[in-house]
């Protein structure tokens, strides 16, 4: 089994019990990894309740986090120069590319051309 990077929307769907049983089972059985940008996106949830934030912090506490380093920054810049892509998505895609991770996202269409 490869290593996975979980996009923000997949984290939200997982924690919100919105995945089909096979998806939940899969997520339950991997070591979760996220990008720093995913941490920012999910913890920056506007109007999140204290209970929701507690669950998010608990999830993040059990993840491996990939920080922005020079290799990810350079890969992000390259993606943005070559494609019309939002900066957060470019950072997540670049993180997956640099570390050779399989990206888990609800919006795979956003990332197809960056493989």
C-alpha atoms as a PDB file:
ATOM      1  CA  UNK A   1       0.000   0.000   0.000  1.00  0.00           C
ATOM      2  CA  UNK A   2       1.353   3.437  -0.923  1.00  0.00           C
ATOM      3  CA  UNK A   3       1.495   6.514   1.210  1.00  0.00           C
ATOM      4  CA  UNK A   4      -1.378   8.958   0.957  1.00  0.00           C
ATOM      5  CA  UNK A   5      -1.896  12.698   1.207  1.00  0.00           C
ATOM      6  CA  UNK A   6      -5.444  13.638   2.192  1.00  0.00           C
ATOM      7  CA  UNK A   7      -6.966  16.771   0.675  1.00  0.00           C
ATOM      8  CA  UNK A   8      -9.054  19.106   2.844  1.00  0.00           C
ATOM      9  CA  UNK A   9     -12.382  18.078   1.333  1.00  0.00           C
ATOM     10  CA  UNK A  10     -11.659  14.382   1.948  1.00  0.00           C
ATOM     11  CA  UNK A  11     -10.850  15.119   5.613  1.00  0.00           C
ATOM     12  CA  UNK A  12     -14.131  17.019   5.981  1.00  0.00           C
ATOM     13  CA  UNK A  13     -16.126  14.226   4.313  1.00  0.00           C
ATOM     14  CA  UNK A  14     -14.414  11.601   6.464  1.00  0.00           C
ATOM     15  CA  UNK A  15     -14.973  13.434   9.744  1.00  0.00           C
ATOM     16  CA  UNK A  16     -18.528  14.326   8.702  1.00  0.00           C
ATOM     17  CA  UNK A  17     -19.339  10.653   8.048  1.00  0.00           C
ATOM     18  CA  UNK A  18     -20.135  11.497   4.422  1.00  0.00           C
ATOM     19  CA  UNK A  19     -18.002   8.779   2.816  1.00  0.00           C
ATOM     20  CA  UNK A  20     -19.477   5.463   1.676  1.00  0.00           C
ATOM     21  CA  UNK A  21     -18.580   2.542   3.974  1.00  0.00           C
ATOM     22  CA  UNK A  22     -15.715   1.418   1.720  1.00  0.00           C
ATOM     23  CA  UNK A  23     -14.208   4.926   1.845  1.00  0.00           C
ATOM     24  CA  UNK A  24     -14.554   5.163   5.612  1.00  0.00           C
ATOM     25  CA  UNK A  25     -12.977   1.736   6.032  1.00  0.00           C
ATOM     26  CA  UNK A  26     -10.098   2.767   3.787  1.00  0.00           C
ATOM     27  CA  UNK A  27      -9.500   6.001   5.710  1.00  0.00           C
ATOM     28  CA  UNK A  28      -9.717   4.120   9.020  1.00  0.00           C
ATOM     29  CA  UNK A  29      -6.869   1.867   7.916  1.00  0.00           C
ATOM     30  CA  UNK A  30      -4.268   4.289   6.592  1.00  0.00           C
ATOM     31  CA  UNK A  31      -1.810   6.529   8.354  1.00  0.00           C
ATOM     32  CA  UNK A  32      -3.268   9.942   7.586  1.00  0.00           C
ATOM     33  CA  UNK A  33      -0.956  12.548   6.079  1.00  0.00           C
ATOM     34  CA  UNK A  34      -1.892  16.123   5.270  1.00  0.00           C
ATOM     35  CA  UNK A  35      -0.271  19.232   3.858  1.00  0.00           C
ATOM     36  CA  UNK A  36       0.174  22.320   6.001  1.00  0.00           C
ATOM     37  CA  UNK A  37      -2.385  24.014   3.738  1.00  0.00           C
ATOM     38  CA  UNK A  38      -4.970  21.352   4.623  1.00  0.00           C
ATOM     39  CA  UNK A  39      -4.381  22.065   8.298  1.00  0.00           C
ATOM     40  CA  UNK A  40      -4.927  25.783   7.646  1.00  0.00           C
ATOM     41  CA  UNK A  41      -8.054  25.162   5.567  1.00  0.00           C
ATOM     42  CA  UNK A  42      -9.816  22.812   7.956  1.00  0.00           C
ATOM     43  CA  UNK A  43      -8.907  24.644  11.171  1.00  0.00           C
ATOM     44  CA  UNK A  44      -9.867  27.942   9.529  1.00  0.00           C
ATOM     45  CA  UNK A  45     -13.440  26.690   9.174  1.00  0.00           C
ATOM     46  CA  UNK A  46     -15.621  29.741   9.692  1.00  0.00           C
ATOM     47  CA  UNK A  47     -18.310  29.272  12.350  1.00  0.00           C
ATOM     48  CA  UNK A  48     -17.102  25.830  13.400  1.00  0.00           C
ATOM     49  CA  UNK A  49     -18.515  24.797  16.751  1.00  0.00           C
ATOM     50  CA  UNK A  50     -16.145  24.051  19.634  1.00  0.00           C
ATOM     51  CA  UNK A  51     -17.067  20.351  19.289  1.00  0.00           C
ATOM     52  CA  UNK A  52     -16.213  20.363  15.563  1.00  0.00           C
ATOM     53  CA  UNK A  53     -12.895  22.100  16.226  1.00  0.00           C
ATOM     54  CA  UNK A  54     -12.069  19.593  18.946  1.00  0.00           C
ATOM     55  CA  UNK A  55     -12.653  16.748  16.475  1.00  0.00           C
ATOM     56  CA  UNK A  56     -10.517  18.473  13.848  1.00  0.00           C
ATOM     57  CA  UNK A  57      -7.674  19.054  16.321  1.00  0.00           C
ATOM     58  CA  UNK A  58      -7.885  15.418  17.393  1.00  0.00           C
ATOM     59  CA  UNK A  59      -7.658  14.239  13.788  1.00  0.00           C
ATOM     60  CA  UNK A  60      -4.751  16.554  13.005  1.00  0.00           C
ATOM     61  CA  UNK A  61      -2.930  15.374  16.114  1.00  0.00           C
ATOM     62  CA  UNK A  62      -2.875  11.882  14.605  1.00  0.00           C
ATOM     63  CA  UNK A  63      -1.572  12.880  11.176  1.00  0.00           C
ATOM     64  CA  UNK A  64       1.807  13.190   9.591  1.00  0.00           C
ATOM     65  CA  UNK A  65       2.079  16.749   8.305  1.00  0.00           C
ATOM     66  CA  UNK A  66       4.122  17.842   5.315  1.00  0.00           C
ATOM     67  CA  UNK A  67       5.299  21.400   5.763  1.00  0.00           C
ATOM     68  CA  UNK A  68       6.095  23.946   3.110  1.00  0.00           C
ATOM     69  CA  UNK A  69       9.767  23.571   2.293  1.00  0.00           C
ATOM     70  CA  UNK A  70      11.832  24.798  -0.635  1.00  0.00           C
ATOM     71  CA  UNK A  71      11.109  21.735  -2.802  1.00  0.00           C
ATOM     72  CA  UNK A  72       7.331  22.103  -2.324  1.00  0.00           C
ATOM     73  CA  UNK A  73       7.510  25.856  -2.912  1.00  0.00           C
ATOM     74  CA  UNK A  74       9.444  25.396  -6.173  1.00  0.00           C
ATOM     75  CA  UNK A  75       7.045  22.659  -7.359  1.00  0.00           C
ATOM     76  CA  UNK A  76       4.083  24.902  -6.476  1.00  0.00           C
ATOM     77  CA  UNK A  77       5.556  27.776  -8.480  1.00  0.00           C
ATOM     78  CA  UNK A  78       6.102  25.486 -11.473  1.00  0.00           C
ATOM     79  CA  UNK A  79       2.511  24.206 -11.323  1.00  0.00           C
ATOM     80  CA  UNK A  80       1.151  27.754 -11.127  1.00  0.00           C
ATOM     81  CA  UNK A  81       3.310  28.837 -14.085  1.00  0.00           C
ATOM     82  CA  UNK A  82       2.150  25.920 -16.224  1.00  0.00           C
ATOM     83  CA  UNK A  83      -1.515  25.619 -15.214  1.00  0.00           C
ATOM     84  CA  UNK A  84      -4.366  27.749 -14.030  1.00  0.00           C
ATOM     85  CA  UNK A  85      -4.676  26.373 -10.501  1.00  0.00           C
ATOM     86  CA  UNK A  86      -5.560  27.955  -7.172  1.00  0.00           C
ATOM     87  CA  UNK A  87      -2.624  28.370  -4.817  1.00  0.00           C
ATOM     88  CA  UNK A  88      -3.957  26.010  -2.082  1.00  0.00           C
ATOM     89  CA  UNK A  89      -4.590  23.270  -4.647  1.00  0.00           C
ATOM     90  CA  UNK A  90      -1.153  23.855  -6.167  1.00  0.00           C
ATOM     91  CA  UNK A  91       0.502  23.480  -2.752  1.00  0.00           C
ATOM     92  CA  UNK A  92      -1.364  20.242  -2.075  1.00  0.00           C
ATOM     93  CA  UNK A  93      -0.581  18.866  -5.555  1.00  0.00           C
ATOM     94  CA  UNK A  94       3.082  19.901  -5.253  1.00  0.00           C
ATOM     95  CA  UNK A  95       3.342  18.239  -1.843  1.00  0.00           C
ATOM     96  CA  UNK A  96       1.998  14.985  -3.282  1.00  0.00           C
ATOM     97  CA  UNK A  97       4.369  15.208  -6.257  1.00  0.00           C
ATOM     98  CA  UNK A  98       7.489  16.072  -4.241  1.00  0.00           C
ATOM     99  CA  UNK A  99       6.948  13.288  -1.707  1.00  0.00           C
ATOM    100  CA  UNK A 100       5.527  10.815  -4.252  1.00  0.00           C
ATOM    101  CA  UNK A 101       2.260  10.454  -2.343  1.00  0.00           C
ATOM    102  CA  UNK A 102      -1.109   9.298  -3.625  1.00  0.00           C
ATOM    103  CA  UNK A 103      -3.598  12.141  -3.281  1.00  0.00           C
ATOM    104  CA  UNK A 104      -7.019  11.440  -1.782  1.00  0.00           C
ATOM    105  CA  UNK A 105      -9.530  14.122  -2.780  1.00  0.00           C
ATOM    106  CA  UNK A 106     -13.221  14.467  -3.522  1.00  0.00           C
ATOM    107  CA  UNK A 107     -12.297  16.752  -6.424  1.00  0.00           C
ATOM    108  CA  UNK A 108      -9.822  14.649  -8.367  1.00  0.00           C
ATOM    109  CA  UNK A 109     -10.713  16.620 -11.477  1.00  0.00           C
ATOM    110  CA  UNK A 110      -8.874  19.549  -9.891  1.00  0.00           C
ATOM    111  CA  UNK A 111      -5.673  17.506  -9.865  1.00  0.00           C
ATOM    112  CA  UNK A 112      -5.827  15.106 -12.878  1.00  0.00           C
ATOM    113  CA  UNK A 113      -3.551  17.150 -15.113  1.00  0.00           C
ATOM    114  CA  UNK A 114      -0.792  17.399 -12.489  1.00  0.00           C
ATOM    115  CA  UNK A 115       0.158  13.717 -12.331  1.00  0.00           C
END
